[in-house]
Amino acid sequence: MNMLSSAIAEVVLEHDAVLTRDDGARLYVISRPHHGDEYLVGALAPPGFDPEAFRGVREPDGIAVPDDPFRASDHVMVDLLPRYDKAVAQVQHNADHPAPPPPTLAPAPERVVMTWFGEGLLAAKTESQEAAKALHDNGFAWDPQELAFVLSGDDTAHQARCVRKAGAQLAQHGIGVIMRHPPARPALETTAATPPAPTHSRPAARTR
């Protein structure tokens, strides 16, 4: 609409008109502000199309025409309508051949994080009901303080078997396992030792 959009936004219209062709094409006509001898004519979007059909289609810009009806009609027929018909053809093509929907991102694979702690303790965290059942079925016990499933390391061989069985059961549900060690953190009650101050020995006095 270019010039029409600017005119509509800047001035209060006293009158306007919509011209309709036999095939349904519609033109919007207003007086051109500050140009008493001209009109502005623009094409209205055809109804009945999904908004996606207009994506990427260049709008046929409006035009200014003289107040002489014969000359104005000639400008509309030669300049505006060919561009309007071309744009509508593109809209119709888009409607008949809609673009495929954008690919959806696959959800991130589910993982159970198992963390080794001191004294052989193993803690597993998950938010999946299937993973929680697999852990519980294979010896992991829920610890409300740790908010994790815990497996004791009193018997390391038994612990290893439980981990393997739990991993196999989780894999059947497409759930992976990540093993990690806890991040090292310095003890709160310890501080870095202060290095001893360097000593400078003075040369012994020389006697005769």
N, C-alpha and C. Protein backbone atom coordinates (compact mmCIF):
# COMPACT_ATOMS: atom_id res chain seq x y z
N MET A 1 0.82 -1.21 0.00
CA MET A 1 0.00 0.00 0.00
C MET A 1 0.86 1.26 0.00
N ASN A 2 2.10 1.20 0.43
CA ASN A 2 3.08 2.31 0.51
C ASN A 2 2.44 3.69 0.74
N MET A 3 2.24 4.45 -0.32
CA MET A 3 1.73 5.82 -0.16
C MET A 3 0.38 5.84 0.54
N LEU A 4 -0.47 4.86 0.30
CA LEU A 4 -1.76 4.83 0.96
C LEU A 4 -1.60 4.62 2.45
N SER A 5 -0.70 3.72 2.83
CA SER A 5 -0.48 3.47 4.26
C SER A 5 -0.02 4.74 4.96
N SER A 6 0.89 5.46 4.34
CA SER A 6 1.37 6.70 4.94
C SER A 6 0.26 7.73 5.05
N ALA A 7 -0.55 7.84 4.01
CA ALA A 7 -1.63 8.82 4.02
C ALA A 7 -2.67 8.49 5.09
N ILE A 8 -3.00 7.19 5.20
CA ILE A 8 -4.01 6.78 6.19
C ILE A 8 -3.50 7.03 7.60
N ALA A 9 -2.18 6.84 7.80
CA ALA A 9 -1.62 7.02 9.13
C ALA A 9 -1.48 8.48 9.51
N GLU A 10 -1.36 9.38 8.52
CA GLU A 10 -1.04 10.77 8.81
C GLU A 10 -2.27 11.68 8.85
N VAL A 11 -3.32 11.35 8.12
CA VAL A 11 -4.45 12.26 8.02
C VAL A 11 -5.75 11.53 8.37
N VAL A 12 -6.74 12.33 8.73
CA VAL A 12 -8.09 11.80 8.96
C VAL A 12 -8.83 11.83 7.63
N LEU A 13 -9.21 10.66 7.15
CA LEU A 13 -9.86 10.58 5.85
C LEU A 13 -11.30 11.09 5.93
N GLU A 14 -11.66 11.92 4.98
CA GLU A 14 -13.03 12.40 4.91
C GLU A 14 -13.91 11.45 4.11
N HIS A 15 -13.31 10.73 3.17
CA HIS A 15 -14.08 9.78 2.38
C HIS A 15 -13.10 8.83 1.69
N ASP A 16 -13.58 7.64 1.37
CA ASP A 16 -12.80 6.67 0.62
C ASP A 16 -13.77 5.80 -0.17
N ALA A 17 -13.22 4.92 -0.98
CA ALA A 17 -14.07 4.06 -1.80
C ALA A 17 -13.36 2.75 -2.07
N VAL A 18 -14.14 1.70 -2.27
CA VAL A 18 -13.62 0.39 -2.67
C VAL A 18 -14.26 0.02 -4.00
N LEU A 19 -13.42 -0.18 -5.01
CA LEU A 19 -13.89 -0.59 -6.33
C LEU A 19 -13.70 -2.09 -6.46
N THR A 20 -14.74 -2.79 -6.92
CA THR A 20 -14.70 -4.25 -7.00
C THR A 20 -14.87 -4.69 -8.44
N ARG A 21 -13.95 -5.54 -8.88
CA ARG A 21 -14.02 -6.10 -10.23
C ARG A 21 -14.92 -7.33 -10.22
N ASP A 22 -15.35 -7.77 -11.40
CA ASP A 22 -16.25 -8.92 -11.48
C ASP A 22 -15.65 -10.17 -10.86
N ASP A 23 -14.31 -10.33 -10.95
CA ASP A 23 -13.67 -11.53 -10.41
C ASP A 23 -13.35 -11.42 -8.92
N GLY A 24 -13.76 -10.33 -8.29
CA GLY A 24 -13.55 -10.16 -6.86
C GLY A 24 -12.38 -9.29 -6.49
N ALA A 25 -11.54 -8.89 -7.46
CA ALA A 25 -10.42 -8.00 -7.16
C ALA A 25 -10.96 -6.67 -6.63
N ARG A 26 -10.28 -6.14 -5.58
CA ARG A 26 -10.76 -4.91 -4.95
C ARG A 26 -9.64 -3.87 -4.91
N LEU A 27 -10.01 -2.63 -5.26
CA LEU A 27 -9.08 -1.51 -5.20
C LEU A 27 -9.59 -0.50 -4.18
N TYR A 28 -8.66 0.06 -3.42
CA TYR A 28 -9.00 1.03 -2.39
C TYR A 28 -8.57 2.40 -2.90
N VAL A 29 -9.46 3.38 -2.82
CA VAL A 29 -9.21 4.71 -3.40
C VAL A 29 -9.46 5.78 -2.34
N ILE A 30 -8.48 6.71 -2.21
CA ILE A 30 -8.65 7.87 -1.34
C ILE A 30 -8.08 9.09 -2.06
N SER A 31 -8.48 10.27 -1.60
CA SER A 31 -7.88 11.50 -2.13
C SER A 31 -6.45 11.58 -1.62
N ARG A 32 -5.53 12.05 -2.44
CA ARG A 32 -4.16 12.19 -2.02
C ARG A 32 -3.99 13.44 -1.18
N PRO A 33 -3.53 13.32 0.05
CA PRO A 33 -3.39 14.51 0.91
C PRO A 33 -2.46 15.54 0.27
N HIS A 34 -2.86 16.78 0.38
CA HIS A 34 -2.08 17.93 -0.09
C HIS A 34 -1.94 17.94 -1.61
N HIS A 35 -2.68 17.09 -2.30
CA HIS A 35 -2.68 17.09 -3.78
C HIS A 35 -4.14 16.99 -4.21
N GLY A 36 -4.80 18.11 -4.31
CA GLY A 36 -6.23 18.11 -4.60
C GLY A 36 -6.59 17.56 -5.96
N ASP A 37 -5.63 17.45 -6.86
CA ASP A 37 -5.94 16.98 -8.20
C ASP A 37 -5.51 15.53 -8.43
N GLU A 38 -5.26 14.77 -7.34
CA GLU A 38 -4.83 13.39 -7.48
C GLU A 38 -5.54 12.49 -6.47
N TYR A 39 -5.56 11.21 -6.81
CA TYR A 39 -6.06 10.17 -5.92
C TYR A 39 -4.98 9.11 -5.73
N LEU A 40 -5.11 8.38 -4.65
CA LEU A 40 -4.23 7.23 -4.41
C LEU A 40 -5.06 5.96 -4.54
N VAL A 41 -4.51 5.00 -5.26
CA VAL A 41 -5.21 3.75 -5.52
C VAL A 41 -4.30 2.59 -5.14
N GLY A 42 -4.81 1.67 -4.33
CA GLY A 42 -4.05 0.49 -3.94
C GLY A 42 -4.92 -0.74 -3.99
N ALA A 43 -4.29 -1.90 -4.08
CA ALA A 43 -5.03 -3.16 -4.17
C ALA A 43 -5.21 -3.75 -2.77
N LEU A 44 -6.40 -4.27 -2.49
CA LEU A 44 -6.66 -4.95 -1.22
C LEU A 44 -6.37 -6.44 -1.38
N ALA A 45 -5.87 -7.05 -0.32
CA ALA A 45 -5.56 -8.48 -0.36
C ALA A 45 -6.82 -9.29 -0.61
N PRO A 46 -6.75 -10.30 -1.46
CA PRO A 46 -7.93 -11.12 -1.72
C PRO A 46 -8.30 -11.93 -0.48
N PRO A 47 -9.58 -12.06 -0.19
CA PRO A 47 -9.98 -12.82 1.00
C PRO A 47 -9.94 -14.33 0.73
N GLY A 48 -10.04 -15.09 1.81
CA GLY A 48 -10.16 -16.54 1.67
C GLY A 48 -8.86 -17.30 1.66
N PHE A 49 -7.73 -16.62 1.88
CA PHE A 49 -6.43 -17.30 1.88
C PHE A 49 -5.85 -17.32 3.29
N ASP A 50 -5.14 -18.39 3.58
CA ASP A 50 -4.42 -18.48 4.84
C ASP A 50 -3.28 -17.47 4.84
N PRO A 51 -3.00 -16.84 5.98
CA PRO A 51 -1.91 -15.85 6.01
C PRO A 51 -0.59 -16.38 5.49
N GLU A 52 -0.32 -17.67 5.64
CA GLU A 52 0.94 -18.22 5.17
C GLU A 52 1.06 -18.11 3.66
N ALA A 53 -0.07 -18.06 2.95
CA ALA A 53 -0.02 -17.98 1.49
C ALA A 53 0.56 -16.66 1.01
N PHE A 54 0.53 -15.62 1.86
CA PHE A 54 1.05 -14.32 1.47
C PHE A 54 2.54 -14.17 1.80
N ARG A 55 3.11 -15.16 2.48
CA ARG A 55 4.51 -15.04 2.88
C ARG A 55 5.41 -15.03 1.66
N GLY A 56 6.30 -14.03 1.60
CA GLY A 56 7.26 -13.94 0.51
C GLY A 56 6.71 -13.32 -0.77
N VAL A 57 5.44 -12.93 -0.78
CA VAL A 57 4.84 -12.33 -1.98
C VAL A 57 4.98 -10.81 -1.90
N ARG A 58 5.54 -10.22 -2.92
CA ARG A 58 5.70 -8.76 -2.94
C ARG A 58 4.35 -8.11 -3.18
N GLU A 59 3.99 -7.18 -2.31
CA GLU A 59 2.73 -6.48 -2.47
C GLU A 59 2.80 -5.52 -3.65
N PRO A 60 1.72 -5.43 -4.44
CA PRO A 60 1.71 -4.46 -5.54
C PRO A 60 1.50 -3.05 -4.98
N ASP A 61 2.56 -2.26 -5.00
CA ASP A 61 2.48 -0.92 -4.42
C ASP A 61 1.38 -0.09 -5.06
N GLY A 62 0.77 0.76 -4.22
CA GLY A 62 -0.25 1.65 -4.74
C GLY A 62 0.33 2.73 -5.64
N ILE A 63 -0.53 3.41 -6.32
CA ILE A 63 -0.08 4.44 -7.27
C ILE A 63 -0.92 5.70 -7.08
N ALA A 64 -0.37 6.82 -7.55
CA ALA A 64 -1.11 8.08 -7.59
C ALA A 64 -1.64 8.27 -9.00
N VAL A 65 -2.89 8.67 -9.10
CA VAL A 65 -3.52 8.87 -10.42
C VAL A 65 -4.15 10.26 -10.46
N PRO A 66 -4.28 10.84 -11.66
CA PRO A 66 -4.92 12.16 -11.78
C PRO A 66 -6.43 12.05 -11.55
N ASP A 67 -7.06 13.20 -11.34
CA ASP A 67 -8.50 13.20 -11.08
C ASP A 67 -9.30 13.05 -12.36
N ASP A 68 -8.64 12.87 -13.49
CA ASP A 68 -9.34 12.60 -14.75
C ASP A 68 -9.67 11.11 -14.80
N PRO A 69 -10.93 10.69 -14.87
CA PRO A 69 -11.28 9.27 -14.78
C PRO A 69 -10.68 8.41 -15.90
N PHE A 70 -10.58 8.96 -17.08
CA PHE A 70 -10.05 8.16 -18.20
C PHE A 70 -8.55 7.93 -18.04
N ARG A 71 -7.82 8.98 -17.69
CA ARG A 71 -6.39 8.82 -17.47
C ARG A 71 -6.11 7.96 -16.24
N ALA A 72 -6.92 8.14 -15.20
CA ALA A 72 -6.75 7.34 -14.00
C ALA A 72 -6.98 5.85 -14.30
N SER A 73 -8.03 5.57 -15.06
CA SER A 73 -8.32 4.18 -15.42
C SER A 73 -7.18 3.57 -16.22
N ASP A 74 -6.59 4.36 -17.10
CA ASP A 74 -5.47 3.87 -17.90
C ASP A 74 -4.28 3.54 -17.01
N HIS A 75 -3.96 4.40 -16.02
CA HIS A 75 -2.85 4.13 -15.11
C HIS A 75 -3.10 2.84 -14.32
N VAL A 76 -4.33 2.68 -13.86
CA VAL A 76 -4.65 1.49 -13.07
C VAL A 76 -4.52 0.24 -13.93
N MET A 77 -5.02 0.28 -15.15
CA MET A 77 -4.99 -0.89 -16.03
C MET A 77 -3.57 -1.26 -16.44
N VAL A 78 -2.74 -0.26 -16.70
CA VAL A 78 -1.39 -0.52 -17.21
C VAL A 78 -0.38 -0.77 -16.09
N ASP A 79 -0.52 -0.07 -14.96
CA ASP A 79 0.51 -0.11 -13.93
C ASP A 79 0.14 -1.02 -12.75
N LEU A 80 -1.04 -0.78 -12.16
CA LEU A 80 -1.36 -1.46 -10.90
C LEU A 80 -1.90 -2.87 -11.10
N LEU A 81 -2.88 -3.05 -11.95
CA LEU A 81 -3.54 -4.35 -12.06
C LEU A 81 -2.61 -5.48 -12.52
N PRO A 82 -1.68 -5.25 -13.45
CA PRO A 82 -0.78 -6.37 -13.81
C PRO A 82 0.04 -6.84 -12.61
N ARG A 83 0.51 -5.92 -11.78
CA ARG A 83 1.28 -6.32 -10.60
C ARG A 83 0.38 -7.00 -9.56
N TYR A 84 -0.87 -6.52 -9.47
CA TYR A 84 -1.81 -7.15 -8.55
C TYR A 84 -2.11 -8.58 -8.99
N ASP A 85 -2.39 -8.77 -10.28
CA ASP A 85 -2.70 -10.12 -10.77
C ASP A 85 -1.52 -11.06 -10.59
N LYS A 86 -0.31 -10.55 -10.77
CA LYS A 86 0.87 -11.38 -10.57
C LYS A 86 1.00 -11.80 -9.11
N ALA A 87 0.75 -10.85 -8.21
CA ALA A 87 0.85 -11.17 -6.78
C ALA A 87 -0.22 -12.18 -6.38
N VAL A 88 -1.44 -12.02 -6.89
CA VAL A 88 -2.51 -12.96 -6.55
C VAL A 88 -2.19 -14.35 -7.08
N ALA A 89 -1.58 -14.42 -8.26
CA ALA A 89 -1.20 -15.72 -8.80
C ALA A 89 -0.19 -16.41 -7.90
N GLN A 90 0.75 -15.62 -7.35
CA GLN A 90 1.72 -16.21 -6.43
C GLN A 90 1.06 -16.67 -5.14
N VAL A 91 0.10 -15.88 -4.65
CA VAL A 91 -0.63 -16.28 -3.44
C VAL A 91 -1.40 -17.57 -3.69
N GLN A 92 -2.05 -17.65 -4.86
CA GLN A 92 -2.80 -18.86 -5.19
C GLN A 92 -1.88 -20.06 -5.30
N HIS A 93 -0.69 -19.86 -5.87
CA HIS A 93 0.28 -20.96 -5.98
C HIS A 93 0.73 -21.41 -4.59
N ASN A 94 0.99 -20.46 -3.72
CA ASN A 94 1.40 -20.81 -2.36
C ASN A 94 0.31 -21.57 -1.62
N ALA A 95 -0.95 -21.17 -1.86
CA ALA A 95 -2.06 -21.85 -1.21
C ALA A 95 -2.22 -23.27 -1.73
N ASP A 96 -1.96 -23.46 -3.04
CA ASP A 96 -2.08 -24.79 -3.63
C ASP A 96 -0.89 -25.68 -3.31
N HIS A 97 0.26 -25.08 -3.00
CA HIS A 97 1.47 -25.83 -2.69
C HIS A 97 2.06 -25.31 -1.37
N PRO A 98 1.41 -25.59 -0.26
CA PRO A 98 1.90 -25.07 1.03
C PRO A 98 3.27 -25.61 1.35
N ALA A 99 4.07 -24.77 1.97
CA ALA A 99 5.42 -25.19 2.37
C ALA A 99 5.32 -26.24 3.46
N PRO A 100 6.22 -27.22 3.44
CA PRO A 100 6.18 -28.24 4.50
C PRO A 100 6.46 -27.61 5.85
N PRO A 101 5.89 -28.15 6.89
CA PRO A 101 6.13 -27.58 8.22
C PRO A 101 7.60 -27.70 8.59
N PRO A 102 8.11 -26.76 9.37
CA PRO A 102 9.52 -26.81 9.76
C PRO A 102 9.79 -28.06 10.56
N PRO A 103 10.98 -28.64 10.39
CA PRO A 103 11.29 -29.86 11.14
C PRO A 103 11.31 -29.58 12.63
N THR A 104 10.74 -30.49 13.36
CA THR A 104 10.74 -30.36 14.81
C THR A 104 12.01 -30.96 15.37
N LEU A 105 12.53 -30.29 16.37
CA LEU A 105 13.75 -30.77 17.00
C LEU A 105 13.45 -32.01 17.82
N ALA A 106 14.28 -33.01 17.63
CA ALA A 106 14.11 -34.23 18.40
C ALA A 106 14.41 -33.96 19.87
N PRO A 107 13.62 -34.53 20.76
CA PRO A 107 13.89 -34.30 22.19
C PRO A 107 15.24 -34.85 22.58
N ALA A 108 15.86 -34.18 23.52
CA ALA A 108 17.18 -34.62 23.98
C ALA A 108 17.06 -36.01 24.59
N PRO A 109 18.02 -36.89 24.31
CA PRO A 109 17.95 -38.24 24.87
C PRO A 109 17.99 -38.20 26.38
N GLU A 110 17.21 -39.08 26.98
CA GLU A 110 17.14 -39.12 28.44
C GLU A 110 18.37 -39.79 29.01
N ARG A 111 18.84 -39.27 30.11
CA ARG A 111 20.04 -39.79 30.75
C ARG A 111 19.81 -39.93 32.26
N VAL A 112 20.45 -40.94 32.83
CA VAL A 112 20.54 -41.08 34.28
C VAL A 112 21.97 -40.80 34.68
N VAL A 113 22.16 -39.86 35.57
CA VAL A 113 23.49 -39.47 36.01
C VAL A 113 23.81 -40.22 37.30
N MET A 114 24.87 -41.02 37.26
CA MET A 114 25.34 -41.75 38.43
C MET A 114 26.66 -41.13 38.90
N THR A 115 26.72 -40.79 40.17
CA THR A 115 27.89 -40.12 40.73
C THR A 115 28.52 -40.97 41.82
N TRP A 116 29.85 -41.21 41.68
CA TRP A 116 30.59 -41.94 42.71
C TRP A 116 30.96 -40.99 43.84
N PHE A 117 30.70 -41.42 45.08
CA PHE A 117 31.11 -40.66 46.24
C PHE A 117 32.09 -41.49 47.06
N GLY A 118 32.53 -40.92 48.14
CA GLY A 118 33.50 -41.63 48.97
C GLY A 118 32.94 -42.92 49.54
N GLU A 119 33.85 -43.84 49.88
CA GLU A 119 33.52 -45.13 50.46
C GLU A 119 32.65 -45.97 49.53
N GLY A 120 32.81 -45.77 48.23
CA GLY A 120 32.12 -46.61 47.26
C GLY A 120 30.65 -46.32 47.08
N LEU A 121 30.15 -45.26 47.65
CA LEU A 121 28.73 -44.93 47.54
C LEU A 121 28.43 -44.40 46.14
N LEU A 122 27.33 -44.88 45.55
CA LEU A 122 26.93 -44.48 44.20
C LEU A 122 25.52 -43.91 44.27
N ALA A 123 25.34 -42.69 43.74
CA ALA A 123 24.04 -42.02 43.76
C ALA A 123 23.59 -41.76 42.33
N ALA A 124 22.32 -42.04 42.05
CA ALA A 124 21.76 -41.85 40.71
C ALA A 124 20.56 -40.92 40.80
N LYS A 125 20.50 -39.96 39.89
CA LYS A 125 19.39 -39.01 39.87
C LYS A 125 18.66 -39.09 38.54
N THR A 126 17.34 -39.07 38.60
CA THR A 126 16.52 -39.10 37.39
C THR A 126 15.15 -38.54 37.72
N GLU A 127 14.44 -38.05 36.70
CA GLU A 127 13.07 -37.58 36.85
C GLU A 127 12.09 -38.48 36.11
N SER A 128 12.59 -39.59 35.58
CA SER A 128 11.77 -40.51 34.81
C SER A 128 11.24 -41.62 35.70
N GLN A 129 9.96 -41.92 35.57
CA GLN A 129 9.38 -43.01 36.33
C GLN A 129 9.96 -44.35 35.89
N GLU A 130 10.19 -44.53 34.59
CA GLU A 130 10.76 -45.78 34.10
C GLU A 130 12.17 -45.97 34.63
N ALA A 131 12.96 -44.89 34.63
CA ALA A 131 14.32 -44.98 35.15
C ALA A 131 14.32 -45.25 36.65
N ALA A 132 13.41 -44.61 37.38
CA ALA A 132 13.33 -44.84 38.82
C ALA A 132 12.99 -46.29 39.11
N LYS A 133 12.09 -46.88 38.34
CA LYS A 133 11.73 -48.29 38.56
C LYS A 133 12.91 -49.20 38.26
N ALA A 134 13.65 -48.90 37.18
CA ALA A 134 14.81 -49.73 36.84
C ALA A 134 15.86 -49.67 37.93
N LEU A 135 16.09 -48.49 38.49
CA LEU A 135 17.06 -48.37 39.56
C LEU A 135 16.61 -49.13 40.80
N HIS A 136 15.33 -48.96 41.15
CA HIS A 136 14.80 -49.64 42.34
C HIS A 136 14.83 -51.15 42.17
N ASP A 137 14.53 -51.64 40.97
CA ASP A 137 14.53 -53.08 40.72
C ASP A 137 15.92 -53.68 40.85
N ASN A 138 16.95 -52.85 40.75
CA ASN A 138 18.32 -53.38 40.76
C ASN A 138 19.13 -52.89 41.95
N GLY A 139 18.46 -52.72 43.08
CA GLY A 139 19.17 -52.51 44.33
C GLY A 139 19.36 -51.08 44.77
N PHE A 140 18.98 -50.10 43.97
CA PHE A 140 19.11 -48.70 44.38
C PHE A 140 17.97 -48.36 45.33
N ALA A 141 18.28 -47.67 46.40
CA ALA A 141 17.27 -47.26 47.37
C ALA A 141 17.15 -45.74 47.39
N TRP A 142 15.93 -45.24 47.47
CA TRP A 142 15.69 -43.80 47.48
C TRP A 142 16.14 -43.19 48.79
N ASP A 143 16.95 -42.15 48.70
CA ASP A 143 17.44 -41.44 49.88
C ASP A 143 16.84 -40.04 49.85
N PRO A 144 15.87 -39.76 50.74
CA PRO A 144 15.21 -38.44 50.70
C PRO A 144 16.14 -37.29 51.02
N GLN A 145 17.22 -37.53 51.76
CA GLN A 145 18.14 -36.44 52.07
C GLN A 145 18.99 -36.08 50.86
N GLU A 146 19.44 -37.09 50.12
CA GLU A 146 20.25 -36.84 48.93
C GLU A 146 19.40 -36.54 47.70
N LEU A 147 18.07 -36.82 47.81
CA LEU A 147 17.18 -36.68 46.66
C LEU A 147 17.71 -37.48 45.48
N ALA A 148 18.13 -38.70 45.76
CA ALA A 148 18.73 -39.55 44.73
C ALA A 148 18.54 -41.01 45.14
N PHE A 149 18.70 -41.90 44.16
CA PHE A 149 18.72 -43.33 44.42
C PHE A 149 20.16 -43.73 44.75
N VAL A 150 20.35 -44.38 45.88
CA VAL A 150 21.69 -44.66 46.40
C VAL A 150 21.94 -46.16 46.39
N LEU A 151 23.16 -46.55 45.99
CA LEU A 151 23.59 -47.95 46.00
C LEU A 151 24.87 -48.04 46.81
N SER A 152 24.81 -48.82 47.87
CA SER A 152 25.96 -48.95 48.76
C SER A 152 27.10 -49.69 48.08
N GLY A 153 28.32 -49.37 48.50
CA GLY A 153 29.50 -50.02 47.93
C GLY A 153 30.17 -50.98 48.89
N ASP A 154 29.39 -51.53 49.87
CA ASP A 154 29.99 -52.48 50.80
C ASP A 154 30.55 -53.69 50.07
N ASP A 155 29.83 -54.14 49.06
CA ASP A 155 30.28 -55.26 48.23
C ASP A 155 30.44 -54.72 46.81
N THR A 156 31.67 -54.43 46.42
CA THR A 156 31.90 -53.79 45.12
C THR A 156 31.49 -54.68 43.95
N ALA A 157 31.66 -56.01 44.10
CA ALA A 157 31.26 -56.91 43.03
C ALA A 157 29.74 -56.88 42.85
N HIS A 158 29.03 -56.89 43.96
CA HIS A 158 27.56 -56.82 43.90
C HIS A 158 27.13 -55.47 43.34
N GLN A 159 27.82 -54.43 43.75
CA GLN A 159 27.50 -53.10 43.25
C GLN A 159 27.67 -53.03 41.73
N ALA A 160 28.76 -53.61 41.23
CA ALA A 160 29.01 -53.59 39.79
C ALA A 160 27.93 -54.35 39.04
N ARG A 161 27.49 -55.50 39.60
CA ARG A 161 26.43 -56.26 38.94
C ARG A 161 25.13 -55.45 38.90
N CYS A 162 24.82 -54.79 39.99
CA CYS A 162 23.60 -53.98 40.02
C CYS A 162 23.64 -52.86 38.98
N VAL A 163 24.80 -52.24 38.86
CA VAL A 163 24.93 -51.15 37.88
C VAL A 163 24.77 -51.68 36.48
N ARG A 164 25.37 -52.84 36.17
CA ARG A 164 25.24 -53.41 34.82
C ARG A 164 23.79 -53.77 34.51
N LYS A 165 23.11 -54.40 35.49
CA LYS A 165 21.72 -54.79 35.26
C LYS A 165 20.83 -53.56 35.10
N ALA A 166 21.07 -52.56 35.94
CA ALA A 166 20.28 -51.34 35.81
C ALA A 166 20.52 -50.66 34.47
N GLY A 167 21.80 -50.63 34.03
CA GLY A 167 22.11 -50.03 32.73
C GLY A 167 21.44 -50.76 31.59
N ALA A 168 21.41 -52.11 31.65
CA ALA A 168 20.76 -52.89 30.59
C ALA A 168 19.26 -52.63 30.57
N GLN A 169 18.64 -52.55 31.74
CA GLN A 169 17.20 -52.30 31.80
C GLN A 169 16.88 -50.88 31.33
N LEU A 170 17.72 -49.92 31.68
CA LEU A 170 17.50 -48.56 31.22
C LEU A 170 17.65 -48.45 29.70
N ALA A 171 18.62 -49.20 29.16
CA ALA A 171 18.84 -49.16 27.71
C ALA A 171 17.62 -49.67 26.95
N GLN A 172 16.87 -50.61 27.52
CA GLN A 172 15.67 -51.10 26.87
C GLN A 172 14.63 -50.01 26.70
N HIS A 173 14.68 -49.01 27.55
CA HIS A 173 13.76 -47.88 27.45
C HIS A 173 14.39 -46.69 26.74
N GLY A 174 15.55 -46.89 26.14
CA GLY A 174 16.23 -45.79 25.45
C GLY A 174 16.84 -44.76 26.37
N ILE A 175 17.16 -45.16 27.59
CA ILE A 175 17.72 -44.24 28.57
C ILE A 175 19.19 -44.57 28.77
N GLY A 176 20.04 -43.58 28.60
CA GLY A 176 21.47 -43.77 28.76
C GLY A 176 21.91 -43.52 30.19
N VAL A 177 23.16 -43.85 30.46
CA VAL A 177 23.74 -43.68 31.79
C VAL A 177 25.03 -42.89 31.66
N ILE A 178 25.20 -41.90 32.52
CA ILE A 178 26.42 -41.11 32.58
C ILE A 178 27.04 -41.33 33.95
N MET A 179 28.29 -41.79 33.97
CA MET A 179 29.02 -42.00 35.22
C MET A 179 29.98 -40.83 35.42
N ARG A 180 30.04 -40.32 36.63
CA ARG A 180 30.94 -39.21 36.90
C ARG A 180 31.37 -39.23 38.37
N HIS A 181 32.47 -38.54 38.63
CA HIS A 181 32.94 -38.34 40.00
C HIS A 181 32.47 -36.98 40.47
N PRO A 182 32.23 -36.81 41.76
CA PRO A 182 31.80 -35.50 42.26
C PRO A 182 32.89 -34.48 42.07
N PRO A 183 32.55 -33.22 41.85
CA PRO A 183 33.58 -32.18 41.73
C PRO A 183 34.35 -32.03 43.02
N ALA A 184 35.64 -31.88 42.89
CA ALA A 184 36.49 -31.73 44.07
C ALA A 184 36.26 -30.37 44.71
N ARG A 185 36.09 -30.36 46.02
CA ARG A 185 35.89 -29.10 46.74
C ARG A 185 36.80 -29.08 47.96
N PRO A 186 37.48 -27.98 48.23
CA PRO A 186 38.36 -27.93 49.40
C PRO A 186 37.55 -27.97 50.69
N ALA A 187 38.13 -28.59 51.69
CA ALA A 187 37.46 -28.65 52.99
C ALA A 187 37.32 -27.25 53.57
N LEU A 188 36.19 -27.02 54.23
CA LEU A 188 35.94 -25.68 54.75
C LEU A 188 36.87 -25.32 55.91
N GLU A 189 37.32 -26.35 56.67
CA GLU A 189 38.12 -26.04 57.84
C GLU A 189 39.60 -25.90 57.53
N THR A 190 39.99 -26.07 56.31
CA THR A 190 41.41 -25.97 55.96
C THR A 190 41.66 -24.70 55.19
N THR A 191 42.84 -24.15 55.36
CA THR A 191 43.27 -22.97 54.62
C THR A 191 44.63 -23.26 54.02
N ALA A 192 44.94 -22.52 53.00
CA ALA A 192 46.23 -22.73 52.35
C ALA A 192 47.36 -22.36 53.30
N ALA A 193 48.39 -23.21 53.31
CA ALA A 193 49.52 -22.95 54.20
C ALA A 193 50.30 -21.74 53.71
N THR A 194 50.74 -20.93 54.65
CA THR A 194 51.52 -19.75 54.31
C THR A 194 52.99 -20.13 54.20
N PRO A 195 53.58 -19.89 53.05
CA PRO A 195 54.98 -20.28 52.90
C PRO A 195 55.87 -19.50 53.87
N PRO A 196 56.93 -20.11 54.38
CA PRO A 196 57.81 -19.40 55.32
C PRO A 196 58.52 -18.25 54.65
N ALA A 197 58.72 -17.20 55.41
CA ALA A 197 59.39 -16.03 54.86
C ALA A 197 60.85 -16.36 54.59
N PRO A 198 61.38 -15.92 53.49
CA PRO A 198 62.78 -16.23 53.18
C PRO A 198 63.72 -15.54 54.16
N THR A 199 64.80 -16.23 54.52
CA THR A 199 65.80 -15.67 55.43
C THR A 199 67.03 -15.28 54.65
N HIS A 200 67.63 -14.20 55.05
CA HIS A 200 68.85 -13.71 54.38
C HIS A 200 69.98 -13.76 55.38
N SER A 201 70.97 -14.58 55.14
CA SER A 201 72.11 -14.70 56.06
C SER A 201 73.11 -13.58 55.80
N ARG A 202 73.63 -12.99 56.89
CA ARG A 202 74.59 -11.91 56.77
C ARG A 202 76.01 -12.51 56.79
N PRO A 203 76.84 -12.02 55.98
CA PRO A 203 78.20 -12.57 55.97
C PRO A 203 78.91 -12.32 57.31
N ALA A 204 79.66 -13.31 57.75
CA ALA A 204 80.36 -13.17 59.04
C ALA A 204 81.45 -12.11 58.94
N ALA A 205 81.67 -11.44 60.06
CA ALA A 205 82.69 -10.39 60.08
C ALA A 205 84.07 -11.02 59.91
N ARG A 206 84.90 -10.38 59.15
CA ARG A 206 86.24 -10.89 58.87
C ARG A 206 87.21 -10.29 59.92
N THR A 207 87.99 -11.14 60.51
CA THR A 207 88.96 -10.66 61.52
C THR A 207 90.36 -10.91 61.01
N ARG A 208 91.24 -10.17 61.57
CA ARG A 208 92.67 -10.35 61.23
C ARG A 208 93.37 -11.02 62.36
